[in-house]
């Protein structure tokens, strides 16, 4: 969300940390810990992305969890992502599903 500017306006108070994440000087996990008390809610997500987040968690959460366990060989709960993990998840899971969602969103009734 940070790399694609999909955080809501409530995060404008954390622009310095957002820049650090974009420059890979801080991980998303560190940002979440420092600025969100380890909780990401609908209010944190840009209105442009909320429907995708809802759809992703309803539709692809099993694929996401299986990828973490079978490809990254980590457990889903309590995972601390490295940039390498992020790149793999973004490339293999999130980006293709987002692209598909955008392409097919007129067909999605949720």
N, C-alpha and C. Protein backbone atom coordinates (compact mmCIF):
# COMPACT_ATOMS: atom_id res chain seq x y z
N UNK A 1 0.82 -1.19 0.00
CA UNK A 1 0.00 0.00 0.00
C UNK A 1 0.87 1.25 0.00
N UNK A 2 1.94 1.22 0.77
CA UNK A 2 2.81 2.40 0.83
C UNK A 2 3.47 2.64 -0.52
N UNK A 3 4.03 1.61 -1.11
CA UNK A 3 4.74 1.78 -2.38
C UNK A 3 3.84 2.26 -3.51
N UNK A 4 2.56 1.97 -3.40
CA UNK A 4 1.62 2.35 -4.46
C UNK A 4 0.70 3.50 -4.04
N UNK A 5 1.05 4.16 -2.94
CA UNK A 5 0.30 5.33 -2.46
C UNK A 5 -1.17 5.01 -2.16
N UNK A 6 -1.40 3.88 -1.51
CA UNK A 6 -2.75 3.47 -1.17
C UNK A 6 -3.06 3.57 0.33
N UNK A 7 -2.27 4.34 1.07
CA UNK A 7 -2.63 4.61 2.46
C UNK A 7 -3.63 5.75 2.48
N UNK A 8 -4.47 5.75 3.49
CA UNK A 8 -5.44 6.84 3.61
C UNK A 8 -4.75 8.10 4.12
N UNK A 9 -5.49 9.17 4.10
CA UNK A 9 -4.95 10.48 4.50
C UNK A 9 -4.55 10.53 5.98
N UNK A 10 -5.05 9.61 6.79
CA UNK A 10 -4.67 9.64 8.21
C UNK A 10 -3.18 9.36 8.39
N UNK A 11 -2.53 8.88 7.37
CA UNK A 11 -1.10 8.59 7.46
C UNK A 11 -0.22 9.76 7.05
N UNK A 12 -0.84 10.88 6.70
CA UNK A 12 -0.05 12.05 6.30
C UNK A 12 0.85 12.55 7.43
N UNK A 13 0.52 12.21 8.65
CA UNK A 13 1.35 12.60 9.79
C UNK A 13 2.66 11.80 9.85
N UNK A 14 2.76 10.77 9.02
CA UNK A 14 3.92 9.87 9.06
C UNK A 14 4.70 9.89 7.75
N UNK A 15 4.73 11.03 7.09
CA UNK A 15 5.37 11.12 5.77
C UNK A 15 6.85 10.73 5.79
N UNK A 16 7.53 11.06 6.87
CA UNK A 16 8.95 10.70 6.96
C UNK A 16 9.13 9.18 6.97
N UNK A 17 8.31 8.49 7.74
CA UNK A 17 8.39 7.03 7.78
C UNK A 17 7.92 6.41 6.47
N UNK A 18 6.94 7.01 5.82
CA UNK A 18 6.48 6.52 4.52
C UNK A 18 7.62 6.61 3.52
N UNK A 19 8.35 7.70 3.54
CA UNK A 19 9.52 7.84 2.66
C UNK A 19 10.57 6.78 2.97
N UNK A 20 10.78 6.50 4.24
CA UNK A 20 11.75 5.46 4.62
C UNK A 20 11.35 4.11 4.05
N UNK A 21 10.05 3.79 4.09
CA UNK A 21 9.60 2.52 3.54
C UNK A 21 9.83 2.50 2.03
N UNK A 22 9.48 3.57 1.36
CA UNK A 22 9.67 3.63 -0.09
C UNK A 22 11.14 3.51 -0.48
N UNK A 23 12.02 3.99 0.38
CA UNK A 23 13.46 3.91 0.14
C UNK A 23 14.06 2.61 0.68
N UNK A 24 13.21 1.78 1.27
CA UNK A 24 13.61 0.49 1.87
C UNK A 24 14.58 0.67 3.03
N UNK A 25 14.44 1.76 3.73
CA UNK A 25 15.20 2.00 4.95
C UNK A 25 14.39 1.57 6.17
N UNK A 26 13.12 1.26 5.97
CA UNK A 26 12.22 0.76 7.00
C UNK A 26 11.30 -0.24 6.30
N UNK A 27 10.99 -1.34 6.97
CA UNK A 27 10.08 -2.31 6.36
C UNK A 27 8.63 -1.91 6.65
N UNK A 28 7.72 -2.50 5.91
CA UNK A 28 6.30 -2.29 6.17
C UNK A 28 5.93 -2.76 7.56
N UNK A 29 6.56 -3.84 7.99
CA UNK A 29 6.32 -4.37 9.34
C UNK A 29 6.73 -3.33 10.38
N UNK A 30 7.89 -2.72 10.20
CA UNK A 30 8.35 -1.70 11.14
C UNK A 30 7.41 -0.49 11.13
N UNK A 31 6.94 -0.11 9.95
CA UNK A 31 5.99 1.00 9.85
C UNK A 31 4.70 0.65 10.61
N UNK A 32 4.21 -0.54 10.39
CA UNK A 32 2.98 -0.99 11.06
C UNK A 32 3.16 -0.99 12.57
N UNK A 33 4.30 -1.44 13.03
CA UNK A 33 4.59 -1.49 14.46
C UNK A 33 4.69 -0.08 15.05
N UNK A 34 5.38 0.79 14.38
CA UNK A 34 5.63 2.14 14.89
C UNK A 34 4.41 3.05 14.81
N UNK A 35 3.65 2.95 13.74
CA UNK A 35 2.60 3.93 13.48
C UNK A 35 1.17 3.41 13.56
N UNK A 36 0.99 2.10 13.67
CA UNK A 36 -0.36 1.53 13.63
C UNK A 36 -0.63 0.55 14.76
N UNK A 37 0.24 0.48 15.75
CA UNK A 37 0.08 -0.47 16.85
C UNK A 37 -0.16 -1.89 16.34
N UNK A 38 0.46 -2.23 15.22
CA UNK A 38 0.38 -3.55 14.59
C UNK A 38 -1.03 -3.91 14.11
N UNK A 39 -1.87 -2.91 13.90
CA UNK A 39 -3.23 -3.15 13.43
C UNK A 39 -3.45 -2.32 12.16
N UNK A 40 -3.87 -2.98 11.11
CA UNK A 40 -4.22 -2.30 9.88
C UNK A 40 -5.72 -2.43 9.70
N UNK A 41 -6.40 -1.31 9.66
CA UNK A 41 -7.86 -1.33 9.55
C UNK A 41 -8.30 -0.68 8.24
N UNK A 42 -9.57 -0.75 7.98
CA UNK A 42 -10.13 -0.14 6.77
C UNK A 42 -9.82 1.36 6.71
N UNK A 43 -9.75 2.01 7.86
CA UNK A 43 -9.47 3.44 7.91
C UNK A 43 -8.05 3.77 7.46
N UNK A 44 -7.18 2.78 7.48
CA UNK A 44 -5.79 2.99 7.05
C UNK A 44 -5.62 2.90 5.54
N UNK A 45 -6.60 2.34 4.88
CA UNK A 45 -6.51 2.04 3.46
C UNK A 45 -7.23 3.12 2.64
N UNK A 46 -6.59 3.55 1.57
CA UNK A 46 -7.22 4.50 0.65
C UNK A 46 -8.55 3.95 0.14
N UNK A 47 -9.49 4.84 -0.06
CA UNK A 47 -10.80 4.42 -0.58
C UNK A 47 -10.65 3.70 -1.91
N UNK A 48 -9.62 4.05 -2.67
CA UNK A 48 -9.37 3.42 -3.97
C UNK A 48 -9.07 1.93 -3.84
N UNK A 49 -8.59 1.51 -2.67
CA UNK A 49 -8.12 0.14 -2.51
C UNK A 49 -9.02 -0.71 -1.61
N UNK A 50 -9.93 -0.12 -0.89
CA UNK A 50 -10.72 -0.87 0.09
C UNK A 50 -11.45 -2.04 -0.54
N UNK A 51 -12.07 -1.86 -1.68
CA UNK A 51 -12.81 -2.96 -2.31
C UNK A 51 -11.88 -4.11 -2.68
N UNK A 52 -10.68 -3.78 -3.17
CA UNK A 52 -9.73 -4.85 -3.47
C UNK A 52 -9.29 -5.58 -2.20
N UNK A 53 -9.00 -4.85 -1.14
CA UNK A 53 -8.58 -5.48 0.12
C UNK A 53 -9.67 -6.43 0.61
N UNK A 54 -10.91 -5.96 0.60
CA UNK A 54 -12.02 -6.83 1.01
C UNK A 54 -12.09 -8.07 0.13
N UNK A 55 -12.03 -7.86 -1.17
CA UNK A 55 -12.12 -8.96 -2.12
C UNK A 55 -10.93 -9.91 -1.96
N UNK A 56 -9.73 -9.36 -1.78
CA UNK A 56 -8.53 -10.19 -1.63
C UNK A 56 -8.67 -11.10 -0.42
N UNK A 57 -9.07 -10.55 0.72
CA UNK A 57 -9.18 -11.36 1.92
C UNK A 57 -10.29 -12.39 1.84
N UNK A 58 -11.33 -12.11 1.09
CA UNK A 58 -12.40 -13.08 0.92
C UNK A 58 -12.01 -14.16 -0.08
N UNK A 59 -11.23 -13.80 -1.09
CA UNK A 59 -10.99 -14.69 -2.22
C UNK A 59 -9.62 -15.35 -2.22
N UNK A 60 -8.59 -14.63 -1.82
CA UNK A 60 -7.22 -15.12 -2.00
C UNK A 60 -6.46 -15.40 -0.71
N UNK A 61 -7.11 -15.31 0.42
CA UNK A 61 -6.38 -15.48 1.67
C UNK A 61 -5.73 -16.86 1.79
N UNK A 62 -6.40 -17.90 1.30
CA UNK A 62 -5.80 -19.24 1.34
C UNK A 62 -4.58 -19.33 0.44
N UNK A 63 -4.67 -18.73 -0.74
CA UNK A 63 -3.53 -18.72 -1.66
C UNK A 63 -2.34 -17.98 -1.03
N UNK A 64 -2.62 -16.87 -0.39
CA UNK A 64 -1.60 -16.07 0.31
C UNK A 64 -0.95 -16.89 1.43
N UNK A 65 -1.75 -17.51 2.25
CA UNK A 65 -1.22 -18.30 3.37
C UNK A 65 -0.41 -19.49 2.87
N UNK A 66 -0.91 -20.18 1.86
CA UNK A 66 -0.18 -21.31 1.30
C UNK A 66 1.16 -20.87 0.71
N UNK A 67 1.18 -19.72 0.07
CA UNK A 67 2.42 -19.20 -0.51
C UNK A 67 3.45 -18.95 0.59
N UNK A 68 3.03 -18.33 1.67
CA UNK A 68 3.95 -18.04 2.77
C UNK A 68 4.52 -19.34 3.34
N UNK A 69 3.64 -20.31 3.56
CA UNK A 69 4.09 -21.56 4.16
C UNK A 69 4.90 -22.42 3.19
N UNK A 70 4.47 -22.52 1.94
CA UNK A 70 5.09 -23.45 1.00
C UNK A 70 6.23 -22.84 0.18
N UNK A 71 6.19 -21.54 -0.07
CA UNK A 71 7.24 -20.93 -0.88
C UNK A 71 8.28 -20.19 -0.03
N UNK A 72 7.80 -19.52 1.02
CA UNK A 72 8.73 -18.81 1.90
C UNK A 72 9.18 -19.67 3.07
N UNK A 73 8.45 -20.76 3.30
CA UNK A 73 8.74 -21.69 4.39
C UNK A 73 8.72 -21.01 5.76
N UNK A 74 7.67 -20.19 5.93
CA UNK A 74 7.46 -19.48 7.19
C UNK A 74 6.03 -19.71 7.64
N UNK A 75 5.77 -19.41 8.90
CA UNK A 75 4.40 -19.50 9.39
C UNK A 75 3.71 -18.16 9.20
N UNK A 76 2.44 -18.22 8.91
CA UNK A 76 1.68 -17.00 8.61
C UNK A 76 1.59 -16.09 9.83
N UNK A 77 1.22 -16.66 10.95
CA UNK A 77 1.06 -15.85 12.16
C UNK A 77 2.42 -15.49 12.72
N UNK A 78 2.61 -14.22 12.93
CA UNK A 78 3.85 -13.76 13.55
C UNK A 78 4.99 -13.56 12.58
N UNK A 79 4.73 -13.65 11.29
CA UNK A 79 5.81 -13.48 10.32
C UNK A 79 6.30 -12.03 10.32
N UNK A 80 7.59 -11.87 10.28
CA UNK A 80 8.21 -10.56 10.11
C UNK A 80 8.82 -10.58 8.71
N UNK A 81 8.22 -9.82 7.80
CA UNK A 81 8.64 -9.86 6.41
C UNK A 81 9.94 -9.12 6.18
N UNK A 82 10.78 -9.73 5.36
CA UNK A 82 11.96 -9.06 4.84
C UNK A 82 11.57 -8.42 3.51
N UNK A 83 12.43 -7.61 2.97
CA UNK A 83 12.14 -7.04 1.65
C UNK A 83 12.11 -8.14 0.60
N UNK A 84 12.93 -9.16 0.76
CA UNK A 84 12.91 -10.29 -0.17
C UNK A 84 11.55 -10.99 -0.13
N UNK A 85 11.02 -11.21 1.07
CA UNK A 85 9.68 -11.81 1.21
C UNK A 85 8.63 -10.94 0.55
N UNK A 86 8.69 -9.65 0.83
CA UNK A 86 7.73 -8.71 0.25
C UNK A 86 7.75 -8.79 -1.27
N UNK A 87 8.96 -8.76 -1.85
CA UNK A 87 9.07 -8.80 -3.31
C UNK A 87 8.44 -10.06 -3.89
N UNK A 88 8.67 -11.19 -3.25
CA UNK A 88 8.09 -12.45 -3.73
C UNK A 88 6.56 -12.44 -3.62
N UNK A 89 6.06 -12.00 -2.49
CA UNK A 89 4.61 -11.96 -2.28
C UNK A 89 3.95 -10.97 -3.24
N UNK A 90 4.55 -9.81 -3.39
CA UNK A 90 3.99 -8.80 -4.29
C UNK A 90 3.98 -9.33 -5.73
N UNK A 91 5.08 -9.92 -6.18
CA UNK A 91 5.20 -10.38 -7.55
C UNK A 91 4.29 -11.57 -7.84
N UNK A 92 4.26 -12.54 -6.93
CA UNK A 92 3.54 -13.79 -7.19
C UNK A 92 2.07 -13.78 -6.76
N UNK A 93 1.72 -12.97 -5.77
CA UNK A 93 0.36 -13.04 -5.23
C UNK A 93 -0.40 -11.73 -5.37
N UNK A 94 0.10 -10.69 -4.78
CA UNK A 94 -0.69 -9.45 -4.69
C UNK A 94 -0.84 -8.77 -6.06
N UNK A 95 0.24 -8.50 -6.75
CA UNK A 95 0.14 -7.77 -8.01
C UNK A 95 -0.71 -8.47 -9.06
N UNK A 96 -0.52 -9.78 -9.29
CA UNK A 96 -1.37 -10.43 -10.30
C UNK A 96 -2.85 -10.42 -9.90
N UNK A 97 -3.13 -10.60 -8.62
CA UNK A 97 -4.53 -10.59 -8.19
C UNK A 97 -5.12 -9.19 -8.25
N UNK A 98 -4.32 -8.18 -7.98
CA UNK A 98 -4.80 -6.80 -8.11
C UNK A 98 -5.08 -6.48 -9.58
N UNK A 99 -4.16 -6.87 -10.45
CA UNK A 99 -4.36 -6.64 -11.88
C UNK A 99 -5.63 -7.33 -12.37
N UNK A 100 -5.82 -8.56 -11.94
CA UNK A 100 -7.03 -9.30 -12.31
C UNK A 100 -8.28 -8.63 -11.76
N UNK A 101 -8.21 -8.16 -10.53
CA UNK A 101 -9.34 -7.47 -9.91
C UNK A 101 -9.70 -6.22 -10.70
N UNK A 102 -8.71 -5.42 -11.05
CA UNK A 102 -8.96 -4.19 -11.80
C UNK A 102 -9.55 -4.53 -13.17
N UNK A 103 -9.01 -5.54 -13.82
CA UNK A 103 -9.49 -5.93 -15.14
C UNK A 103 -10.94 -6.43 -15.09
N UNK A 104 -11.29 -7.11 -14.01
CA UNK A 104 -12.60 -7.75 -13.92
C UNK A 104 -13.56 -7.08 -12.95
N UNK A 105 -13.20 -5.92 -12.43
CA UNK A 105 -14.02 -5.34 -11.37
C UNK A 105 -15.46 -5.04 -11.78
N UNK A 106 -15.71 -4.84 -13.02
CA UNK A 106 -17.10 -4.62 -13.43
C UNK A 106 -17.91 -5.90 -13.33
N UNK A 107 -17.23 -7.05 -13.30
CA UNK A 107 -17.92 -8.34 -13.18
C UNK A 107 -18.12 -8.75 -11.73
N UNK A 108 -17.41 -8.12 -10.82
CA UNK A 108 -17.44 -8.49 -9.41
C UNK A 108 -18.59 -7.76 -8.74
N UNK A 109 -19.43 -8.50 -8.07
CA UNK A 109 -20.62 -7.89 -7.47
C UNK A 109 -20.47 -7.67 -5.98
N UNK A 110 -19.35 -8.03 -5.41
CA UNK A 110 -19.16 -7.90 -3.96
C UNK A 110 -18.90 -6.48 -3.58
